[in-house]
Amino acid sequence: MVHFFSKRAETKTKDIPKEDYDELMKLFKRCDVNNDGKLSWEEVKAGFRRLQSRFPLYRTHRAFQMADENHDGFINVNDELDKLVTYALECYPGKIKLRLL
């Protein structure tokens, strides 16, 4: 059964390749074009486009469901970016380097 709107189980950080995690952290931090320390909807969508997502709008929607804990419409780079990166790694396991070529 497919659950489109339920939150995924947390991924254990030991299962995440460190180099992929670091690459995604840098990618999404670069997407913060106005340097306000928060990622807007458009900035997150640009990050998923950079990852060559076939469904950047859907990925952005799910990312905000997973990472925006205070529901302010932004993903705080200091507090919530880890959850965004974890979600992106769940979407593209082992394929980050290939997507960023």
PDB file of N, CA and C in Angstrom:
ATOM      1  N   MET A   1       0.838  -1.156   0.000  1.00  0.00           N
ATOM      2  CA  MET A   1       0.000   0.000   0.000  1.00  0.00           C
ATOM      3  C   MET A   1       0.897   1.238   0.000  1.00  0.00           C
ATOM      4  N   VAL A   2       0.545   2.227  -0.798  1.00  0.00           N
ATOM      5  CA  VAL A   2       1.318   3.450  -0.904  1.00  0.00           C
ATOM      6  C   VAL A   2       0.704   4.508   0.002  1.00  0.00           C
ATOM      7  N   HIS A   3       1.547   5.133   0.819  1.00  0.00           N
ATOM      8  CA  HIS A   3       1.106   6.217   1.691  1.00  0.00           C
ATOM      9  C   HIS A   3       1.762   7.493   1.205  1.00  0.00           C
ATOM     10  N   PHE A   4       1.021   8.301   0.468  1.00  0.00           N
ATOM     11  CA  PHE A   4       1.605   9.482  -0.133  1.00  0.00           C
ATOM     12  C   PHE A   4       1.905  10.585   0.869  1.00  0.00           C
ATOM     13  N   PHE A   5       1.138  10.699   1.924  1.00  0.00           N
ATOM     14  CA  PHE A   5       1.291  11.834   2.798  1.00  0.00           C
ATOM     15  C   PHE A   5       1.736  11.486   4.212  1.00  0.00           C
ATOM     16  N   SER A   6       2.075  10.245   4.454  1.00  0.00           N
ATOM     17  CA  SER A   6       2.579   9.905   5.780  1.00  0.00           C
ATOM     18  C   SER A   6       4.083  10.166   5.811  1.00  0.00           C
ATOM     19  N   LYS A   7       4.580  10.518   6.983  1.00  0.00           N
ATOM     20  CA  LYS A   7       6.006  10.780   7.113  1.00  0.00           C
ATOM     21  C   LYS A   7       6.775   9.467   7.102  1.00  0.00           C
ATOM     22  N   ARG A   8       7.945   9.506   6.498  1.00  0.00           N
ATOM     23  CA  ARG A   8       8.788   8.319   6.453  1.00  0.00           C
ATOM     24  C   ARG A   8       9.471   8.111   7.792  1.00  0.00           C
ATOM     25  N   ALA A   9       9.877   6.887   8.009  1.00  0.00           N
ATOM     26  CA  ALA A   9      10.646   6.597   9.218  1.00  0.00           C
ATOM     27  C   ALA A   9      12.009   7.272   9.112  1.00  0.00           C
ATOM     28  N   GLU A  10      12.538   7.662  10.225  1.00  0.00           N
ATOM     29  CA  GLU A  10      13.833   8.327  10.264  1.00  0.00           C
ATOM     30  C   GLU A  10      14.919   7.369   9.766  1.00  0.00           C
ATOM     31  N   THR A  11      15.807   7.869   8.934  1.00  0.00           N
ATOM     32  CA  THR A  11      16.938   7.091   8.472  1.00  0.00           C
ATOM     33  C   THR A  11      18.049   7.191   9.501  1.00  0.00           C
ATOM     34  N   LYS A  12      18.677   6.091   9.782  1.00  0.00           N
ATOM     35  CA  LYS A  12      19.781   6.106  10.734  1.00  0.00           C
ATOM     36  C   LYS A  12      20.977   6.787  10.082  1.00  0.00           C
ATOM     37  N   THR A  13      21.605   7.705  10.802  1.00  0.00           N
ATOM     38  CA  THR A  13      22.705   8.468  10.231  1.00  0.00           C
ATOM     39  C   THR A  13      23.905   7.587   9.896  1.00  0.00           C
ATOM     40  N   LYS A  14      24.045   6.436  10.540  1.00  0.00           N
ATOM     41  CA  LYS A  14      25.180   5.572  10.215  1.00  0.00           C
ATOM     42  C   LYS A  14      25.021   4.936   8.830  1.00  0.00           C
ATOM     43  N   ASP A  15      23.798   4.889   8.294  1.00  0.00           N
ATOM     44  CA  ASP A  15      23.556   4.316   6.978  1.00  0.00           C
ATOM     45  C   ASP A  15      23.826   5.305   5.855  1.00  0.00           C
ATOM     46  N   ILE A  16      24.025   6.572   6.194  1.00  0.00           N
ATOM     47  CA  ILE A  16      24.191   7.618   5.190  1.00  0.00           C
ATOM     48  C   ILE A  16      25.672   7.803   4.894  1.00  0.00           C
ATOM     49  N   PRO A  17      26.059   7.722   3.602  1.00  0.00           N
ATOM     50  CA  PRO A  17      27.462   7.980   3.255  1.00  0.00           C
ATOM     51  C   PRO A  17      27.823   9.430   3.573  1.00  0.00           C
ATOM     52  N   LYS A  18      28.904   9.632   4.297  1.00  0.00           N
ATOM     53  CA  LYS A  18      29.321  10.962   4.755  1.00  0.00           C
ATOM     54  C   LYS A  18      29.553  11.919   3.593  1.00  0.00           C
ATOM     55  N   GLU A  19      30.175  11.445   2.515  1.00  0.00           N
ATOM     56  CA  GLU A  19      30.467  12.337   1.390  1.00  0.00           C
ATOM     57  C   GLU A  19      29.184  12.791   0.681  1.00  0.00           C
ATOM     58  N   ASP A  20      28.194  11.911   0.576  1.00  0.00           N
ATOM     59  CA  ASP A  20      26.914  12.305  -0.018  1.00  0.00           C
ATOM     60  C   ASP A  20      26.193  13.310   0.873  1.00  0.00           C
ATOM     61  N   TYR A  21      26.223  13.066   2.171  1.00  0.00           N
ATOM     62  CA  TYR A  21      25.595  13.970   3.128  1.00  0.00           C
ATOM     63  C   TYR A  21      26.221  15.368   3.024  1.00  0.00           C
ATOM     64  N   ASP A  22      27.555  15.414   2.991  1.00  0.00           N
ATOM     65  CA  ASP A  22      28.253  16.701   2.899  1.00  0.00           C
ATOM     66  C   ASP A  22      27.957  17.413   1.585  1.00  0.00           C
ATOM     67  N   GLU A  23      27.897  16.663   0.497  1.00  0.00           N
ATOM     68  CA  GLU A  23      27.586  17.262  -0.807  1.00  0.00           C
ATOM     69  C   GLU A  23      26.199  17.904  -0.801  1.00  0.00           C
ATOM     70  N   LEU A  24      25.233  17.213  -0.233  1.00  0.00           N
ATOM     71  CA  LEU A  24      23.875  17.764  -0.189  1.00  0.00           C
ATOM     72  C   LEU A  24      23.774  18.952   0.754  1.00  0.00           C
ATOM     73  N   MET A  25      24.502  18.922   1.851  1.00  0.00           N
ATOM     74  CA  MET A  25      24.526  20.080   2.753  1.00  0.00           C
ATOM     75  C   MET A  25      25.034  21.310   1.998  1.00  0.00           C
ATOM     76  N   LYS A  26      26.144  21.145   1.258  1.00  0.00           N
ATOM     77  CA  LYS A  26      26.693  22.265   0.486  1.00  0.00           C
ATOM     78  C   LYS A  26      25.723  22.720  -0.595  1.00  0.00           C
ATOM     79  N   LEU A  27      25.088  21.760  -1.261  1.00  0.00           N
ATOM     80  CA  LEU A  27      24.153  22.081  -2.340  1.00  0.00           C
ATOM     81  C   LEU A  27      23.001  22.944  -1.827  1.00  0.00           C
ATOM     82  N   PHE A  28      22.360  22.508  -0.755  1.00  0.00           N
ATOM     83  CA  PHE A  28      21.210  23.257  -0.257  1.00  0.00           C
ATOM     84  C   PHE A  28      21.627  24.580   0.397  1.00  0.00           C
ATOM     85  N   LYS A  29      22.816  24.639   0.983  1.00  0.00           N
ATOM     86  CA  LYS A  29      23.279  25.921   1.527  1.00  0.00           C
ATOM     87  C   LYS A  29      23.538  26.920   0.401  1.00  0.00           C
ATOM     88  N   ARG A  30      24.044  26.425  -0.743  1.00  0.00           N
ATOM     89  CA  ARG A  30      24.242  27.310  -1.905  1.00  0.00           C
ATOM     90  C   ARG A  30      22.916  27.790  -2.476  1.00  0.00           C
ATOM     91  N   CYS A  31      21.860  27.028  -2.267  1.00  0.00           N
ATOM     92  CA  CYS A  31      20.540  27.420  -2.781  1.00  0.00           C
ATOM     93  C   CYS A  31      19.951  28.588  -2.008  1.00  0.00           C
ATOM     94  N   ASP A  32      20.489  28.888  -0.835  1.00  0.00           N
ATOM     95  CA  ASP A  32      20.023  30.037  -0.053  1.00  0.00           C
ATOM     96  C   ASP A  32      20.608  31.302  -0.686  1.00  0.00           C
ATOM     97  N   VAL A  33      20.011  31.763  -1.776  1.00  0.00           N
ATOM     98  CA  VAL A  33      20.577  32.837  -2.584  1.00  0.00           C
ATOM     99  C   VAL A  33      20.538  34.193  -1.890  1.00  0.00           C
ATOM    100  N   ASN A  34      19.587  34.422  -1.004  1.00  0.00           N
ATOM    101  CA  ASN A  34      19.526  35.720  -0.323  1.00  0.00           C
ATOM    102  C   ASN A  34      20.242  35.694   1.028  1.00  0.00           C
ATOM    103  N   ASN A  35      20.877  34.592   1.367  1.00  0.00           N
ATOM    104  CA  ASN A  35      21.693  34.439   2.576  1.00  0.00           C
ATOM    105  C   ASN A  35      20.979  34.878   3.858  1.00  0.00           C
ATOM    106  N   ASP A  36      19.702  34.498   3.975  1.00  0.00           N
ATOM    107  CA  ASP A  36      18.959  34.838   5.191  1.00  0.00           C
ATOM    108  C   ASP A  36      18.945  33.694   6.204  1.00  0.00           C
ATOM    109  N   GLY A  37      19.606  32.582   5.871  1.00  0.00           N
ATOM    110  CA  GLY A  37      19.660  31.448   6.790  1.00  0.00           C
ATOM    111  C   GLY A  37      18.429  30.565   6.747  1.00  0.00           C
ATOM    112  N   LYS A  38      17.536  30.838   5.785  1.00  0.00           N
ATOM    113  CA  LYS A  38      16.316  30.048   5.627  1.00  0.00           C
ATOM    114  C   LYS A  38      16.144  29.704   4.150  1.00  0.00           C
ATOM    115  N   LEU A  39      15.677  28.499   3.903  1.00  0.00           N
ATOM    116  CA  LEU A  39      15.398  28.077   2.528  1.00  0.00           C
ATOM    117  C   LEU A  39      13.909  28.221   2.256  1.00  0.00           C
ATOM    118  N   SER A  40      13.579  28.986   1.235  1.00  0.00           N
ATOM    119  CA  SER A  40      12.184  29.147   0.837  1.00  0.00           C
ATOM    120  C   SER A  40      11.774  27.979  -0.052  1.00  0.00           C
ATOM    121  N   TRP A  41      10.498  27.950  -0.384  1.00  0.00           N
ATOM    122  CA  TRP A  41       9.957  26.914  -1.277  1.00  0.00           C
ATOM    123  C   TRP A  41      10.733  26.894  -2.591  1.00  0.00           C
ATOM    124  N   GLU A  42      10.941  28.061  -3.188  1.00  0.00           N
ATOM    125  CA  GLU A  42      11.624  28.147  -4.482  1.00  0.00           C
ATOM    126  C   GLU A  42      13.084  27.732  -4.378  1.00  0.00           C
ATOM    127  N   GLU A  43      13.734  28.055  -3.279  1.00  0.00           N
ATOM    128  CA  GLU A  43      15.132  27.674  -3.104  1.00  0.00           C
ATOM    129  C   GLU A  43      15.277  26.163  -2.949  1.00  0.00           C
ATOM    130  N   VAL A  44      14.374  25.540  -2.228  1.00  0.00           N
ATOM    131  CA  VAL A  44      14.414  24.077  -2.087  1.00  0.00           C
ATOM    132  C   VAL A  44      14.106  23.419  -3.425  1.00  0.00           C
ATOM    133  N   LYS A  45      13.132  23.963  -4.145  1.00  0.00           N
ATOM    134  CA  LYS A  45      12.791  23.410  -5.464  1.00  0.00           C
ATOM    135  C   LYS A  45      13.984  23.530  -6.424  1.00  0.00           C
ATOM    136  N   ALA A  46      14.727  24.627  -6.332  1.00  0.00           N
ATOM    137  CA  ALA A  46      15.929  24.789  -7.159  1.00  0.00           C
ATOM    138  C   ALA A  46      16.974  23.729  -6.813  1.00  0.00           C
ATOM    139  N   GLY A  47      17.073  23.382  -5.536  1.00  0.00           N
ATOM    140  CA  GLY A  47      17.992  22.326  -5.122  1.00  0.00           C
ATOM    141  C   GLY A  47      17.614  20.984  -5.716  1.00  0.00           C
ATOM    142  N   PHE A  48      16.328  20.670  -5.717  1.00  0.00           N
ATOM    143  CA  PHE A  48      15.900  19.398  -6.311  1.00  0.00           C
ATOM    144  C   PHE A  48      16.050  19.415  -7.832  1.00  0.00           C
ATOM    145  N   ARG A  49      15.901  20.574  -8.426  1.00  0.00           N
ATOM    146  CA  ARG A  49      16.173  20.674  -9.868  1.00  0.00           C
ATOM    147  C   ARG A  49      17.648  20.438 -10.147  1.00  0.00           C
ATOM    148  N   ARG A  50      18.497  20.958  -9.282  1.00  0.00           N
ATOM    149  CA  ARG A  50      19.946  20.746  -9.430  1.00  0.00           C
ATOM    150  C   ARG A  50      20.279  19.259  -9.296  1.00  0.00           C
ATOM    151  N   LEU A  51      19.481  18.535  -8.511  1.00  0.00           N
ATOM    152  CA  LEU A  51      19.654  17.086  -8.373  1.00  0.00           C
ATOM    153  C   LEU A  51      19.003  16.314  -9.522  1.00  0.00           C
ATOM    154  N   GLN A  52      18.493  17.040 -10.513  1.00  0.00           N
ATOM    155  CA  GLN A  52      17.857  16.455 -11.695  1.00  0.00           C
ATOM    156  C   GLN A  52      16.637  15.614 -11.341  1.00  0.00           C
ATOM    157  N   SER A  53      15.875  16.089 -10.375  1.00  0.00           N
ATOM    158  CA  SER A  53      14.654  15.396  -9.987  1.00  0.00           C
ATOM    159  C   SER A  53      13.640  15.464 -11.119  1.00  0.00           C
ATOM    160  N   ARG A  54      12.960  14.369 -11.364  1.00  0.00           N
ATOM    161  CA  ARG A  54      11.891  14.374 -12.369  1.00  0.00           C
ATOM    162  C   ARG A  54      10.637  15.033 -11.820  1.00  0.00           C
ATOM    163  N   PHE A  55      10.534  15.126 -10.511  1.00  0.00           N
ATOM    164  CA  PHE A  55       9.354  15.695  -9.861  1.00  0.00           C
ATOM    165  C   PHE A  55       9.768  16.710  -8.788  1.00  0.00           C
ATOM    166  N   PRO A  56      10.384  17.827  -9.173  1.00  0.00           N
ATOM    167  CA  PRO A  56      10.880  18.758  -8.154  1.00  0.00           C
ATOM    168  C   PRO A  56       9.773  19.376  -7.305  1.00  0.00           C
ATOM    169  N   LEU A  57       8.613  19.593  -7.860  1.00  0.00           N
ATOM    170  CA  LEU A  57       7.517  20.159  -7.083  1.00  0.00           C
ATOM    171  C   LEU A  57       7.052  19.190  -6.004  1.00  0.00           C
ATOM    172  N   TYR A  58       6.906  17.927  -6.363  1.00  0.00           N
ATOM    173  CA  TYR A  58       6.515  16.902  -5.391  1.00  0.00           C
ATOM    174  C   TYR A  58       7.591  16.737  -4.317  1.00  0.00           C
ATOM    175  N   ARG A  59       8.856  16.669  -4.743  1.00  0.00           N
ATOM    176  CA  ARG A  59       9.955  16.512  -3.793  1.00  0.00           C
ATOM    177  C   ARG A  59      10.001  17.687  -2.811  1.00  0.00           C
ATOM    178  N   THR A  60       9.748  18.894  -3.321  1.00  0.00           N
ATOM    179  CA  THR A  60       9.742  20.077  -2.460  1.00  0.00           C
ATOM    180  C   THR A  60       8.609  20.000  -1.452  1.00  0.00           C
ATOM    181  N   HIS A  61       7.438  19.595  -1.911  1.00  0.00           N
ATOM    182  CA  HIS A  61       6.295  19.456  -1.011  1.00  0.00           C
ATOM    183  C   HIS A  61       6.606  18.465   0.111  1.00  0.00           C
ATOM    184  N   ARG A  62       7.134  17.310  -0.256  1.00  0.00           N
ATOM    185  CA  ARG A  62       7.468  16.286   0.735  1.00  0.00           C
ATOM    186  C   ARG A  62       8.594  16.750   1.659  1.00  0.00           C
ATOM    187  N   ALA A  63       9.545  17.489   1.104  1.00  0.00           N
ATOM    188  CA  ALA A  63      10.653  17.983   1.918  1.00  0.00           C
ATOM    189  C   ALA A  63      10.139  18.926   3.003  1.00  0.00           C
ATOM    190  N   PHE A  64       9.192  19.769   2.647  1.00  0.00           N
ATOM    191  CA  PHE A  64       8.635  20.669   3.658  1.00  0.00           C
ATOM    192  C   PHE A  64       7.817  19.905   4.694  1.00  0.00           C
ATOM    193  N   GLN A  65       7.144  18.852   4.285  1.00  0.00           N
ATOM    194  CA  GLN A  65       6.432  18.024   5.260  1.00  0.00           C
ATOM    195  C   GLN A  65       7.399  17.374   6.234  1.00  0.00           C
ATOM    196  N   MET A  66       8.542  16.968   5.737  1.00  0.00           N
ATOM    197  CA  MET A  66       9.515  16.255   6.560  1.00  0.00           C
ATOM    198  C   MET A  66      10.371  17.197   7.410  1.00  0.00           C
ATOM    199  N   ALA A  67      10.762  18.351   6.862  1.00  0.00           N
ATOM    200  CA  ALA A  67      11.794  19.155   7.505  1.00  0.00           C
ATOM    201  C   ALA A  67      11.292  20.424   8.201  1.00  0.00           C
ATOM    202  N   ASP A  68      10.201  20.989   7.744  1.00  0.00           N
ATOM    203  CA  ASP A  68       9.740  22.259   8.318  1.00  0.00           C
ATOM    204  C   ASP A  68       8.958  21.992   9.597  1.00  0.00           C
ATOM    205  N   GLU A  69       9.676  21.821  10.684  1.00  0.00           N
ATOM    206  CA  GLU A  69       9.051  21.422  11.946  1.00  0.00           C
ATOM    207  C   GLU A  69       8.184  22.508  12.560  1.00  0.00           C
ATOM    208  N   ASN A  70       8.568  23.778  12.396  1.00  0.00           N
ATOM    209  CA  ASN A  70       7.786  24.855  13.009  1.00  0.00           C
ATOM    210  C   ASN A  70       6.718  25.413  12.056  1.00  0.00           C
ATOM    211  N   HIS A  71       6.612  24.861  10.862  1.00  0.00           N
ATOM    212  CA  HIS A  71       5.568  25.196   9.880  1.00  0.00           C
ATOM    213  C   HIS A  71       5.507  26.689   9.565  1.00  0.00           C
ATOM    214  N   ASP A  72       6.681  27.303   9.445  1.00  0.00           N
ATOM    215  CA  ASP A  72       6.718  28.721   9.102  1.00  0.00           C
ATOM    216  C   ASP A  72       6.885  28.951   7.602  1.00  0.00           C
ATOM    217  N   GLY A  73       6.970  27.888   6.825  1.00  0.00           N
ATOM    218  CA  GLY A  73       7.104  28.015   5.381  1.00  0.00           C
ATOM    219  C   GLY A  73       8.547  28.134   4.916  1.00  0.00           C
ATOM    220  N   PHE A  74       9.486  27.964   5.834  1.00  0.00           N
ATOM    221  CA  PHE A  74      10.907  28.008   5.508  1.00  0.00           C
ATOM    222  C   PHE A  74      11.612  26.855   6.195  1.00  0.00           C
ATOM    223  N   ILE A  75      12.734  26.438   5.614  1.00  0.00           N
ATOM    224  CA  ILE A  75      13.576  25.438   6.253  1.00  0.00           C
ATOM    225  C   ILE A  75      14.801  26.166   6.770  1.00  0.00           C
ATOM    226  N   ASN A  76      14.925  26.216   8.075  1.00  0.00           N
ATOM    227  CA  ASN A  76      16.021  26.916   8.722  1.00  0.00           C
ATOM    228  C   ASN A  76      17.315  26.147   8.481  1.00  0.00           C
ATOM    229  N   VAL A  77      18.334  26.834   7.968  1.00  0.00           N
ATOM    230  CA  VAL A  77      19.597  26.190   7.625  1.00  0.00           C
ATOM    231  C   VAL A  77      20.288  25.624   8.865  1.00  0.00           C
ATOM    232  N   ASN A  78      20.143  26.280   9.998  1.00  0.00           N
ATOM    233  CA  ASN A  78      20.828  25.829  11.216  1.00  0.00           C
ATOM    234  C   ASN A  78      20.117  24.676  11.907  1.00  0.00           C
ATOM    235  N   ASP A  79      18.784  24.657  11.868  1.00  0.00           N
ATOM    236  CA  ASP A  79      18.031  23.679  12.652  1.00  0.00           C
ATOM    237  C   ASP A  79      17.416  22.548  11.834  1.00  0.00           C
ATOM    238  N   GLU A  80      16.905  22.860  10.661  1.00  0.00           N
ATOM    239  CA  GLU A  80      16.080  21.897   9.924  1.00  0.00           C
ATOM    240  C   GLU A  80      16.736  21.337   8.663  1.00  0.00           C
ATOM    241  N   LEU A  81      17.901  21.846   8.299  1.00  0.00           N
ATOM    242  CA  LEU A  81      18.549  21.400   7.064  1.00  0.00           C
ATOM    243  C   LEU A  81      18.908  19.923   7.112  1.00  0.00           C
ATOM    244  N   ASP A  82      19.259  19.417   8.289  1.00  0.00           N
ATOM    245  CA  ASP A  82      19.609  18.004   8.433  1.00  0.00           C
ATOM    246  C   ASP A  82      18.465  17.101   7.980  1.00  0.00           C
ATOM    247  N   LYS A  83      17.242  17.445   8.328  1.00  0.00           N
ATOM    248  CA  LYS A  83      16.086  16.631   7.930  1.00  0.00           C
ATOM    249  C   LYS A  83      15.837  16.715   6.423  1.00  0.00           C
ATOM    250  N   LEU A  84      16.081  17.873   5.832  1.00  0.00           N
ATOM    251  CA  LEU A  84      15.957  18.019   4.380  1.00  0.00           C
ATOM    252  C   LEU A  84      16.976  17.149   3.660  1.00  0.00           C
ATOM    253  N   VAL A  85      18.216  17.183   4.128  1.00  0.00           N
ATOM    254  CA  VAL A  85      19.280  16.387   3.504  1.00  0.00           C
ATOM    255  C   VAL A  85      19.001  14.894   3.676  1.00  0.00           C
ATOM    256  N   THR A  86      18.531  14.500   4.844  1.00  0.00           N
ATOM    257  CA  THR A  86      18.186  13.098   5.081  1.00  0.00           C
ATOM    258  C   THR A  86      17.086  12.652   4.134  1.00  0.00           C
ATOM    259  N   TYR A  87      16.068  13.495   3.929  1.00  0.00           N
ATOM    260  CA  TYR A  87      14.993  13.160   2.992  1.00  0.00           C
ATOM    261  C   TYR A  87      15.537  13.022   1.576  1.00  0.00           C
ATOM    262  N   ALA A  88      16.391  13.950   1.162  1.00  0.00           N
ATOM    263  CA  ALA A  88      16.955  13.885  -0.195  1.00  0.00           C
ATOM    264  C   ALA A  88      17.781  12.618  -0.372  1.00  0.00           C
ATOM    265  N   LEU A  89      18.517  12.221   0.651  1.00  0.00           N
ATOM    266  CA  LEU A  89      19.301  10.987   0.562  1.00  0.00           C
ATOM    267  C   LEU A  89      18.406   9.756   0.482  1.00  0.00           C
ATOM    268  N   GLU A  90      17.253   9.799   1.126  1.00  0.00           N
ATOM    269  CA  GLU A  90      16.303   8.686   1.012  1.00  0.00           C
ATOM    270  C   GLU A  90      15.742   8.598  -0.403  1.00  0.00           C
ATOM    271  N   CYS A  91      15.574   9.740  -1.043  1.00  0.00           N
ATOM    272  CA  CYS A  91      15.020   9.757  -2.399  1.00  0.00           C
ATOM    273  C   CYS A  91      16.016   9.247  -3.431  1.00  0.00           C
ATOM    274  N   TYR A  92      17.293   9.532  -3.217  1.00  0.00           N
ATOM    275  CA  TYR A  92      18.325   9.186  -4.197  1.00  0.00           C
ATOM    276  C   TYR A  92      19.465   8.423  -3.521  1.00  0.00           C
ATOM    277  N   PRO A  93      19.215   7.213  -3.038  1.00  0.00           N
ATOM    278  CA  PRO A  93      20.272   6.485  -2.329  1.00  0.00           C
ATOM    279  C   PRO A  93      21.421   6.088  -3.260  1.00  0.00           C
ATOM    280  N   GLY A  94      22.623   6.495  -2.897  1.00  0.00           N
ATOM    281  CA  GLY A  94      23.812   6.105  -3.653  1.00  0.00           C
ATOM    282  C   GLY A  94      23.953   6.751  -5.008  1.00  0.00           C
ATOM    283  N   LYS A  95      23.183   7.783  -5.319  1.00  0.00           N
ATOM    284  CA  LYS A  95      23.207   8.362  -6.657  1.00  0.00           C
ATOM    285  C   LYS A  95      23.543   9.852  -6.660  1.00  0.00           C
ATOM    286  N   ILE A  96      24.002  10.400  -5.564  1.00  0.00           N
ATOM    287  CA  ILE A  96      24.196  11.839  -5.457  1.00  0.00           C
ATOM    288  C   ILE A  96      25.298  12.314  -6.393  1.00  0.00           C
ATOM    289  N   LYS A  97      26.429  11.655  -6.403  1.00  0.00           N
ATOM    290  CA  LYS A  97      27.546  12.080  -7.259  1.00  0.00           C
ATOM    291  C   LYS A  97      27.157  12.068  -8.735  1.00  0.00           C
ATOM    292  N   LEU A  98      26.416  11.051  -9.156  1.00  0.00           N
ATOM    293  CA  LEU A  98      25.990  10.971 -10.554  1.00  0.00           C
ATOM    294  C   LEU A  98      25.009  12.072 -10.919  1.00  0.00           C
ATOM    295  N   ARG A  99      24.157  12.453  -9.985  1.00  0.00           N
ATOM    296  CA  ARG A  99      23.154  13.486 -10.248  1.00  0.00           C
ATOM    297  C   ARG A  99      23.770  14.879 -10.308  1.00  0.00           C
ATOM    298  N   LEU A 100      24.895  15.068  -9.662  1.00  0.00           N
ATOM    299  CA  LEU A 100      25.505  16.395  -9.629  1.00  0.00           C
ATOM    300  C   LEU A 100      26.547  16.610 -10.722  1.00  0.00           C
ATOM    301  N   LEU A 101      26.696  15.678 -11.634  1.00  0.00           N
ATOM    302  CA  LEU A 101      27.655  15.834 -12.744  1.00  0.00           C
ATOM    303  C   LEU A 101      27.157  16.837 -13.743  1.00  0.00           C
TER     304      LEU A 101
END
